[in-house]
C-alpha cells in the first residue's frame, strides 16, 4: 500500500510558527500598551479639566506680607526648579566616589539557525562577564570633585538670588495693591457724592475710575497668582510690606557687615569655574590608567556540549593611555583658554567696579529724592488747606513718581543687604 509522503519537518514548522507568532503578539502588545497608556493619561487630563470647570467662582483672599512670602517660597514654579537643581548638585557631590566602583558587564550571545529555531532551541549560546576598572588617580578625582562641588554651590547661590528677585517682584505687587486700595477709596467717595446725580460728568468720571480699578485689580490678581503658583483664589496683597529706608540706615558698602556677601560669593564661584576649566584641561592630558577584567565565556553550549567558567580562567590586564602633542593642539587650547580666562576675570572686575559706582551714586541720589519728596509733600499739604484741589493733585502725582524712584533705589540696596534676608529653608 502506498502512503502519501509525510510532511517535511512538521514539528519544527509548528515550533517556528509558534515562535514567530509569539514575537508578533509581543510587538502588538507593546503597541497596544502604549496606546492604552496614552488613553489613560488623556482620561486623567480630561477628568482634571472637568474638576477645574466644576470649581465654584474663586473668592478674594487677602495676604499679608509674611504669608505671601511663605506661599511664594512653597509654590513658585521657578523656585521649585531651583531647589531641584540644588538637590541635583548635592547628589552629584555624593556621587563622585561611587563613580569609581567597578561595574560588571554581562553579555549573552546566541547563534540560532533555522533548524534550531524549528526545534525551539537557540543553538550555540555564550555568556560573557567582564569589567573595566578606572583607577581614581589624584588629578582626575580632584577635577571631578571640584566640578561637582562647583555645580552644588552655584545652584545654592542661584536659588537664593532667585528667591530675592521674586520677593522684589512681590514687593512691587504689594505697592501696586496699596495704591489701588487708595484709588478704590477715592472712587467710592466720588460715587457716593454723585449717587443722586448719575447723569453728571462727575458721575461718569466715577464710573470710569471704578472700571479702571476693576481692570487693574484683575491684572494684579493674575500677576500675584502666577508669582505664588496658585490660582485657587483671587489673591490680593495686604499689609506688612517691609519698610526700606537706606537714607537713614546707609549700608556699609565695604562689606564689613555682610553687605553684598552673597553676590561676592557668586563672583568667587565664577573665578572658581575658571580654575575648574583649567584643571579640566590638565586632566585631559593626564595619563589614564585602567584595569580590564576579562574571561572566557562563563557558560557556553556549542554542538550539544556545555561548559562553565573556572576561576583560573579569569584574566586581569592593565593599560595606560597617553597621547602625545607633537602638533601643539593641546598647548594651543591651553593658551586660548588662558586668554579667555584673563578676559573673563577682567570682565568680572569691571562689573564689580560698575556695581560699586552705581551703589555710591544711588546713595547720594536717594538723599536728594527724599528731600524733594518732603518738599512736595509740604507744598501739597499747604495747597489742600487752601482748597486748591487741582494743584494739590498735580503735586501728589509728582510725589508718587518720586516714591517709585525711591522705592526702586531702596530695593537695589535691599537685595544686597544679606543680614536682612533670612536663611532659606
Protein backbone atom coordinates (compact mmCIF):
# COMPACT_ATOMS: atom_id res chain seq x y z
CA UNK A 1 0.00 0.00 0.00
CA UNK A 2 1.32 3.42 -0.93
CA UNK A 3 1.01 6.16 1.74
CA UNK A 4 1.20 9.86 0.97
CA UNK A 5 4.59 11.35 1.83
CA UNK A 6 4.87 12.70 5.37
CA UNK A 7 5.12 16.48 5.69
CA UNK A 8 8.67 17.78 5.87
CA UNK A 9 9.68 18.65 9.44
CA UNK A 10 6.11 19.10 10.73
CA UNK A 11 7.13 19.56 14.37
CA UNK A 12 9.82 22.08 13.52
CA UNK A 13 7.45 24.09 11.37
CA UNK A 14 4.93 24.22 14.16
CA UNK A 15 7.61 25.31 16.63
CA UNK A 16 8.87 28.03 14.26
CA UNK A 17 5.31 29.21 13.66
CA UNK A 18 4.71 29.40 17.39
CA UNK A 19 7.91 31.38 17.87
CA UNK A 20 7.06 33.85 15.11
CA UNK A 21 3.51 34.17 16.41
CA UNK A 22 4.86 34.88 19.88
CA UNK A 23 7.13 37.61 18.55
CA UNK A 24 4.26 39.16 16.59
CA UNK A 25 1.96 39.11 19.61
CA UNK A 26 4.70 40.72 21.70
CA UNK A 27 5.06 43.57 19.22
CA UNK A 28 1.31 44.07 19.05
CA UNK A 29 1.06 44.01 22.84
CA UNK A 30 3.74 46.69 23.07
CA UNK A 31 1.90 48.96 20.64
CA UNK A 32 -1.40 48.34 22.40
CA UNK A 33 0.24 49.07 25.74
CA UNK A 34 1.48 52.48 24.52
CA UNK A 35 -1.97 53.34 23.18
CA UNK A 36 -3.55 52.28 26.46
CA UNK A 37 -1.17 54.44 28.50
CA UNK A 38 -1.88 57.42 26.25
CA UNK A 39 -5.61 56.85 26.69
CA UNK A 40 -5.16 56.69 30.47
CA UNK A 41 -3.25 59.97 30.53
CA UNK A 42 -5.84 61.66 28.31
CA UNK A 43 -8.62 60.42 30.59
CA UNK A 44 -6.78 61.77 33.64
CA UNK A 45 -6.26 65.15 31.95
CA UNK A 46 -9.95 65.34 30.97
CA UNK A 47 -11.01 64.40 34.49
CA UNK A 48 -8.80 67.14 35.95
CA UNK A 49 -10.21 69.61 33.43
CA UNK A 50 -13.76 68.70 34.47
CA UNK A 51 -12.82 69.11 38.13
CA UNK A 52 -11.45 72.59 37.44
CA UNK A 53 -14.59 73.51 35.48
CA UNK A 54 -16.70 72.41 38.45
CA UNK A 55 -14.80 74.58 40.94
CA UNK A 56 -17.05 77.40 42.16
CA UNK A 57 -16.21 81.03 41.50
CA UNK A 58 -12.92 81.98 43.12
CA UNK A 59 -13.14 84.10 46.23
CA UNK A 60 -10.96 87.05 47.15
CA UNK A 61 -8.23 86.27 49.70
CA UNK A 62 -6.00 88.98 51.19
CA UNK A 63 -2.45 88.03 52.12
CA UNK A 64 -0.18 89.87 54.49
CA UNK A 65 3.50 90.06 53.62
CA UNK A 66 4.71 87.12 55.71
CA UNK A 67 2.01 84.77 54.41
CA UNK A 68 2.64 85.86 50.83
CA UNK A 69 6.36 85.15 51.20
CA UNK A 70 5.62 81.74 52.69
CA UNK A 71 3.34 80.84 49.78
CA UNK A 72 5.86 82.23 47.30
CA UNK A 73 8.67 80.06 48.64
CA UNK A 74 6.46 76.97 48.75
CA UNK A 75 4.65 77.29 45.42
CA UNK A 76 6.60 79.35 42.90
CA UNK A 77 7.50 77.07 39.98
CA UNK A 78 10.86 78.67 39.17
CA UNK A 79 11.90 78.48 42.81
CA UNK A 80 10.93 74.82 42.99
CA UNK A 81 13.02 74.14 39.89
CA UNK A 82 15.94 75.97 41.50
CA UNK A 83 15.64 73.83 44.64
CA UNK A 84 15.63 70.73 42.46
CA UNK A 85 18.89 71.96 40.88
CA UNK A 86 20.34 72.30 44.40
CA UNK A 87 19.35 68.72 45.22
CA UNK A 88 20.86 67.50 41.95
CA UNK A 89 24.11 69.30 42.78
CA UNK A 90 24.21 67.76 46.25
CA UNK A 91 23.67 64.32 44.74
CA UNK A 92 26.46 64.98 42.22
CA UNK A 93 28.88 65.69 45.10
CA UNK A 94 27.95 62.45 46.83
CA UNK A 95 28.19 60.50 43.57
CA UNK A 96 31.84 61.28 42.79
CA UNK A 97 33.41 58.45 44.89
CA UNK A 98 30.83 55.98 43.59
CA UNK A 99 31.86 56.69 40.01
CA UNK A 100 34.96 54.57 40.60
CA UNK A 101 33.11 51.47 41.79
CA UNK A 102 33.61 48.88 39.03
CA UNK A 103 30.57 47.73 37.12
CA UNK A 104 30.17 44.23 35.75
CA UNK A 105 29.11 43.68 32.16
CA UNK A 106 27.16 40.50 31.36
CA UNK A 107 26.73 39.77 27.67
CA UNK A 108 24.77 36.93 26.12
CA UNK A 109 25.15 35.74 22.53
CA UNK A 110 23.08 33.18 20.68
CA UNK A 111 23.64 31.87 17.16
CA UNK A 112 20.45 30.14 16.11
CA UNK A 113 19.86 28.52 12.72
CA UNK A 114 16.59 27.80 11.01
CA UNK A 115 16.95 24.19 12.08
CA UNK A 116 17.45 25.05 15.78
CA UNK A 117 14.62 27.59 15.64
CA UNK A 118 12.41 24.92 14.18
CA UNK A 119 13.35 22.69 17.11
CA UNK A 120 12.55 25.53 19.54
CA UNK A 121 16.21 25.97 20.51
CA UNK A 122 18.58 28.96 20.33
CA UNK A 123 21.52 26.97 19.08
CA UNK A 124 25.05 27.81 20.23
CA UNK A 125 24.85 30.07 23.30
CA UNK A 126 27.57 32.02 25.12
CA UNK A 127 27.55 34.15 28.31
CA UNK A 128 30.45 36.57 28.91
CA UNK A 129 31.32 38.52 32.07
CA UNK A 130 33.70 41.48 32.02
CA UNK A 131 34.59 44.68 33.82
CA UNK A 132 36.69 47.82 33.29
CA UNK A 133 38.04 49.47 36.45
CA UNK A 134 39.15 53.10 36.11
CA UNK A 135 41.64 53.82 38.86
CA UNK A 136 40.98 57.15 40.67
CA UNK A 137 44.24 58.98 40.10
CA UNK A 138 44.50 62.16 42.22
CA UNK A 139 44.36 64.66 39.36
CA UNK A 140 41.26 63.22 37.71
CA UNK A 141 39.48 62.64 41.04
CA UNK A 142 40.12 66.21 42.24
CA UNK A 143 38.87 67.62 38.94
CA UNK A 144 35.62 65.64 39.10
CA UNK A 145 35.10 66.53 42.77
CA UNK A 146 35.69 70.22 42.03
CA UNK A 147 33.19 70.20 39.17
CA UNK A 148 30.56 68.56 41.40
CA UNK A 149 31.11 71.00 44.28
CA UNK A 150 31.02 73.91 41.87
CA UNK A 151 27.68 72.71 40.48
CA UNK A 152 26.27 72.35 44.00
CA UNK A 153 27.45 75.71 45.33
CA UNK A 154 26.39 77.58 42.20
CA UNK A 155 22.92 76.07 42.40
CA UNK A 156 22.64 77.13 46.05
CA UNK A 157 23.63 80.72 45.32
CA UNK A 158 21.43 80.94 42.22
CA UNK A 159 18.42 79.64 44.17
CA UNK A 160 18.90 82.27 46.87
CA UNK A 161 19.36 85.07 44.31
CA UNK A 162 16.19 83.93 42.55
CA UNK A 163 14.28 83.99 45.83
CA UNK A 164 15.36 87.57 46.45
CA UNK A 165 14.42 88.60 42.92
CA UNK A 166 10.97 87.05 43.34
CA UNK A 167 10.45 88.83 46.66
CA UNK A 168 11.34 92.11 44.96
CA UNK A 169 8.58 91.37 42.42
CA UNK A 170 6.26 90.61 45.32
CA UNK A 171 7.20 93.96 46.87
CA UNK A 172 6.18 95.73 43.64
CA UNK A 173 2.82 93.93 43.67
CA UNK A 174 2.19 94.95 47.28
CA UNK A 175 2.99 98.54 46.35
CA UNK A 176 0.51 98.35 43.46
CA UNK A 177 -2.09 96.92 45.82
CA UNK A 178 -1.68 99.77 48.29
CA UNK A 179 -2.18 102.35 45.56
CA UNK A 180 -5.18 100.53 44.15
CA UNK A 181 -6.66 100.50 47.65
CA UNK A 182 -6.31 104.29 47.85
CA UNK A 183 -7.76 104.69 44.36
CA UNK A 184 -10.69 102.48 45.35
CA UNK A 185 -11.37 104.72 48.32
CA UNK A 186 -11.32 107.79 46.06
CA UNK A 187 -13.64 106.11 43.54
CA UNK A 188 -16.08 105.08 46.28
CA UNK A 189 -16.10 108.58 47.74
CA UNK A 190 -16.73 110.09 44.31
CA UNK A 191 -19.50 107.56 43.63
CA UNK A 192 -21.24 108.49 46.89
CA UNK A 193 -21.06 112.19 46.08
CA UNK A 194 -22.59 111.66 42.62
CA UNK A 195 -25.11 108.97 43.55
CA UNK A 196 -28.02 111.42 43.37
CA UNK A 197 -26.84 112.86 40.03
CA UNK A 198 -25.97 109.90 37.81
CA UNK A 199 -26.07 111.93 34.57
CA UNK A 200 -23.43 114.48 35.54
CA UNK A 201 -19.83 114.41 34.20
CA UNK A 202 -18.61 113.74 37.73
CA UNK A 203 -20.75 110.58 37.90
CA UNK A 204 -19.33 109.40 34.56
CA UNK A 205 -15.86 110.06 35.89
CA UNK A 206 -16.63 107.95 38.97
CA UNK A 207 -17.84 105.05 36.81
CA UNK A 208 -14.79 105.23 34.58
CA UNK A 209 -12.50 105.28 37.61
CA UNK A 210 -14.27 102.23 39.05
CA UNK A 211 -13.95 100.39 35.72
CA UNK A 212 -10.21 101.08 35.53
CA UNK A 213 -9.78 99.94 39.11
CA UNK A 214 -11.52 96.64 38.40
CA UNK A 215 -9.26 96.02 35.42
CA UNK A 216 -6.18 96.93 37.47
CA UNK A 217 -7.25 94.60 40.30
CA UNK A 218 -7.80 91.76 37.81
CA UNK A 219 -4.31 92.25 36.36
CA UNK A 220 -2.80 92.40 39.86
CA UNK A 221 -4.61 89.23 40.94
CA UNK A 222 -3.35 87.39 37.86
CA UNK A 223 0.25 88.53 38.42
CA UNK A 224 0.14 87.55 42.08
CA UNK A 225 -1.36 84.12 41.31
CA UNK A 226 1.40 83.46 38.78
CA UNK A 227 4.07 84.52 41.26
CA UNK A 228 2.64 82.30 44.01
CA UNK A 229 1.97 79.37 41.66
CA UNK A 230 -1.60 79.14 42.94
CA UNK A 231 -4.76 80.09 41.03
CA UNK A 232 -7.26 78.71 43.55
CA UNK A 233 -8.11 82.17 44.92
CA UNK A 234 -8.21 85.78 43.81
CA UNK A 235 -5.13 86.71 45.80
CA UNK A 236 -4.71 90.33 46.84
CA UNK A 237 -1.82 91.90 48.72
CA UNK A 238 -2.49 93.25 52.18
CA UNK A 239 -0.34 94.92 54.78
CA UNK A 240 3.11 94.25 56.19
CA UNK A 241 5.31 95.34 53.30
CA UNK A 242 8.88 95.82 54.62
CA UNK A 243 9.90 99.36 55.39
CA UNK A 244 13.03 100.25 53.46
CA UNK A 245 14.91 103.44 54.25
CA UNK A 246 18.57 103.26 53.34
CA UNK A 247 18.91 107.00 53.67
CA UNK A 248 18.51 106.78 57.43
CA UNK A 249 20.40 103.47 57.64
CA UNK A 250 23.09 103.60 54.98
CA UNK A 251 24.71 100.21 54.31
CA UNK A 252 28.40 99.58 54.74
CA UNK A 253 29.44 99.35 51.11
CA UNK A 254 32.81 97.85 52.06
CA UNK A 255 31.02 94.66 53.09
CA UNK A 256 32.16 94.60 56.71
CA UNK A 257 28.59 93.97 57.92
CA UNK A 258 27.90 91.24 55.38
CA UNK A 259 26.58 93.63 52.74
CA UNK A 260 26.70 92.07 49.23
CA UNK A 261 28.23 88.87 50.66
CA UNK A 262 26.08 86.56 48.52
CA UNK A 263 26.84 88.45 45.32
CA UNK A 264 30.55 88.37 46.11
CA UNK A 265 30.25 84.62 46.65
CA UNK A 266 28.69 84.39 43.20
CA UNK A 267 31.65 86.30 41.76
CA UNK A 268 34.06 83.96 43.58
CA UNK A 269 32.24 80.96 42.09
CA UNK A 270 32.77 82.41 38.63
CA UNK A 271 36.50 82.59 39.35
CA UNK A 272 36.40 79.04 40.69
CA UNK A 273 34.74 77.95 37.44
CA UNK A 274 37.71 79.36 35.55
CA UNK A 275 40.04 77.34 37.77
CA UNK A 276 37.93 74.23 37.17
CA UNK A 277 38.15 74.80 33.42
CA UNK A 278 41.93 75.00 33.58
CA UNK A 279 42.06 71.90 35.77
CA UNK A 280 39.84 70.07 33.30
CA UNK A 281 42.32 70.80 30.51
CA UNK A 282 45.14 69.38 32.62
CA UNK A 283 43.06 66.31 33.40
CA UNK A 284 42.58 65.64 29.69
CA UNK A 285 46.37 65.47 29.32
CA UNK A 286 46.93 63.22 32.31
CA UNK A 287 47.62 59.55 31.54
CA UNK A 288 44.62 57.30 32.06
CA UNK A 289 45.24 54.08 33.95
CA UNK A 290 42.62 51.33 33.77
CA UNK A 291 42.33 47.69 34.72
CA UNK A 292 40.45 45.29 32.44
CA UNK A 293 38.88 42.13 33.83
CA UNK A 294 38.04 39.57 31.14
CA UNK A 295 37.34 35.89 30.99
CA UNK A 296 36.26 33.19 28.58
CA UNK A 297 32.53 32.59 28.46
CA UNK A 298 31.17 31.81 31.93
CA UNK A 299 28.77 29.46 30.16
CA UNK A 300 28.73 28.10 26.66
CA UNK A 301 26.79 25.49 24.77
CA UNK A 302 28.14 24.52 21.41
CA UNK A 303 27.50 21.43 19.31
CA UNK A 304 25.42 19.99 22.11
CA UNK A 305 28.20 20.29 24.69
CA UNK A 306 28.08 22.60 27.74
CA UNK A 307 30.94 24.12 29.73
CA UNK A 308 31.33 26.59 32.57
CA UNK A 309 33.96 29.11 33.59
CA UNK A 310 36.67 28.13 36.04
CA UNK A 311 38.13 30.84 38.28
CA UNK A 312 41.56 30.08 36.95
CA UNK A 313 40.44 31.29 33.55
CA UNK A 314 39.93 34.91 34.73
CA UNK A 315 42.31 37.39 33.14
CA UNK A 316 43.28 40.75 34.63
CA UNK A 317 45.14 43.23 32.45
CA UNK A 318 46.02 46.86 32.84
CA UNK A 319 46.74 49.58 30.35
CA UNK A 320 47.91 53.17 30.37
CA UNK A 321 46.60 55.58 27.77
CA UNK A 322 48.52 58.75 26.92
CA UNK A 323 48.63 60.75 23.73
CA UNK A 324 51.46 62.97 22.56
CA UNK A 325 51.03 66.56 21.45
CA UNK A 326 53.59 66.95 18.67
CA UNK A 327 51.15 69.12 16.71
CA UNK A 328 50.73 71.51 19.63
CA UNK A 329 46.94 71.19 19.68
CA UNK A 330 46.65 70.86 23.44
CA UNK A 331 49.16 73.66 24.01
CA UNK A 332 47.12 75.92 21.73
CA UNK A 333 43.92 75.06 23.61
CA UNK A 334 45.64 75.90 26.92
CA UNK A 335 46.86 79.23 25.57
CA UNK A 336 43.44 80.20 24.25
CA UNK A 337 41.78 79.12 27.49
CA UNK A 338 44.24 81.25 29.47
CA UNK A 339 43.39 84.30 27.34
CA UNK A 340 39.65 83.70 27.76
CA UNK A 341 40.15 83.27 31.50
CA UNK A 342 42.03 86.55 31.76
CA UNK A 343 39.32 88.32 29.76
CA UNK A 344 36.61 86.84 31.98
CA UNK A 345 38.46 87.96 35.12
CA UNK A 346 38.77 91.47 33.72
CA UNK A 347 35.06 91.49 32.79
CA UNK A 348 34.17 90.40 36.31
CA UNK A 349 36.35 93.11 37.84
CA UNK A 350 34.77 95.76 35.61
CA UNK A 351 31.35 94.54 36.69
CA UNK A 352 32.29 94.91 40.36
CA UNK A 353 33.60 98.43 39.70
CA UNK A 354 30.37 99.38 37.91
CA UNK A 355 28.25 97.94 40.73
CA UNK A 356 30.15 99.87 43.39
CA UNK A 357 29.86 103.09 41.34
CA UNK A 358 26.09 102.63 40.97
CA UNK A 359 25.67 101.97 44.68
CA UNK A 360 27.60 105.11 45.66
CA UNK A 361 25.66 107.22 43.18
CA UNK A 362 22.38 105.69 44.36
CA UNK A 363 23.09 106.60 47.98
CA UNK A 364 23.59 110.24 47.03
CA UNK A 365 20.55 110.26 44.74
CA UNK A 366 18.44 108.63 47.43
CA UNK A 367 19.06 111.52 49.81
CA UNK A 368 18.22 114.07 47.12
CA UNK A 369 14.95 112.35 46.19
CA UNK A 370 13.92 112.06 49.83
CA UNK A 371 14.42 115.81 50.29
CA UNK A 372 12.47 116.62 47.11
CA UNK A 373 9.61 114.38 48.17
CA UNK A 374 9.45 116.01 51.59
CA UNK A 375 9.24 119.43 49.90
CA UNK A 376 6.46 118.27 47.56
CA UNK A 377 4.52 116.79 50.46
CA UNK A 378 4.72 120.06 52.39
CA UNK A 379 3.58 122.05 49.35
CA UNK A 380 0.72 119.61 48.71
CA UNK A 381 -0.48 119.92 52.30
CA UNK A 382 -0.46 123.71 52.01
CA UNK A 383 -2.50 123.62 48.81
CA UNK A 384 -5.03 121.24 50.36
CA UNK A 385 -5.50 123.59 53.28
CA UNK A 386 -6.12 126.37 50.77
CA UNK A 387 -8.72 124.19 48.94
CA UNK A 388 -6.59 124.21 45.78
CA UNK A 389 -7.52 120.63 44.95
CA UNK A 390 -6.35 120.64 41.33
CA UNK A 391 -2.89 121.96 42.09
CA UNK A 392 -2.59 119.62 45.07
CA UNK A 393 -3.46 116.64 42.84
CA UNK A 394 -0.67 117.53 40.43
CA UNK A 395 1.85 117.66 43.26
CA UNK A 396 0.54 114.38 44.62
CA UNK A 397 1.20 112.72 41.26
CA UNK A 398 4.77 114.03 41.29
CA UNK A 399 5.19 112.76 44.83
CA UNK A 400 4.01 109.28 43.77
CA UNK A 401 6.56 109.23 40.94
CA UNK A 402 9.33 110.21 43.35
CA UNK A 403 8.18 107.47 45.73
CA UNK A 404 8.54 104.92 42.93
CA UNK A 405 12.11 106.06 42.25
CA UNK A 406 12.96 105.99 45.95
CA UNK A 407 11.50 102.50 46.34
CA UNK A 408 13.48 101.21 43.38
CA UNK A 409 16.72 102.59 44.83
CA UNK A 410 15.93 101.10 48.24
CA UNK A 411 15.20 97.74 46.61
CA UNK A 412 18.59 97.78 44.88
CA UNK A 413 20.21 98.01 48.33
CA UNK A 414 17.79 95.54 49.92
CA UNK A 415 18.73 92.75 47.51
CA UNK A 416 22.38 93.15 48.58
CA UNK A 417 21.69 93.56 52.31
CA UNK A 418 22.38 89.97 53.38
CA UNK A 419 21.69 90.44 57.14
CA UNK A 420 18.08 91.40 56.33
CA UNK A 421 17.45 88.15 54.48
CA UNK A 422 16.56 85.06 56.49
CA UNK A 423 18.32 81.84 55.65
CA UNK A 424 16.31 79.95 53.04
CA UNK A 425 14.99 76.54 54.02
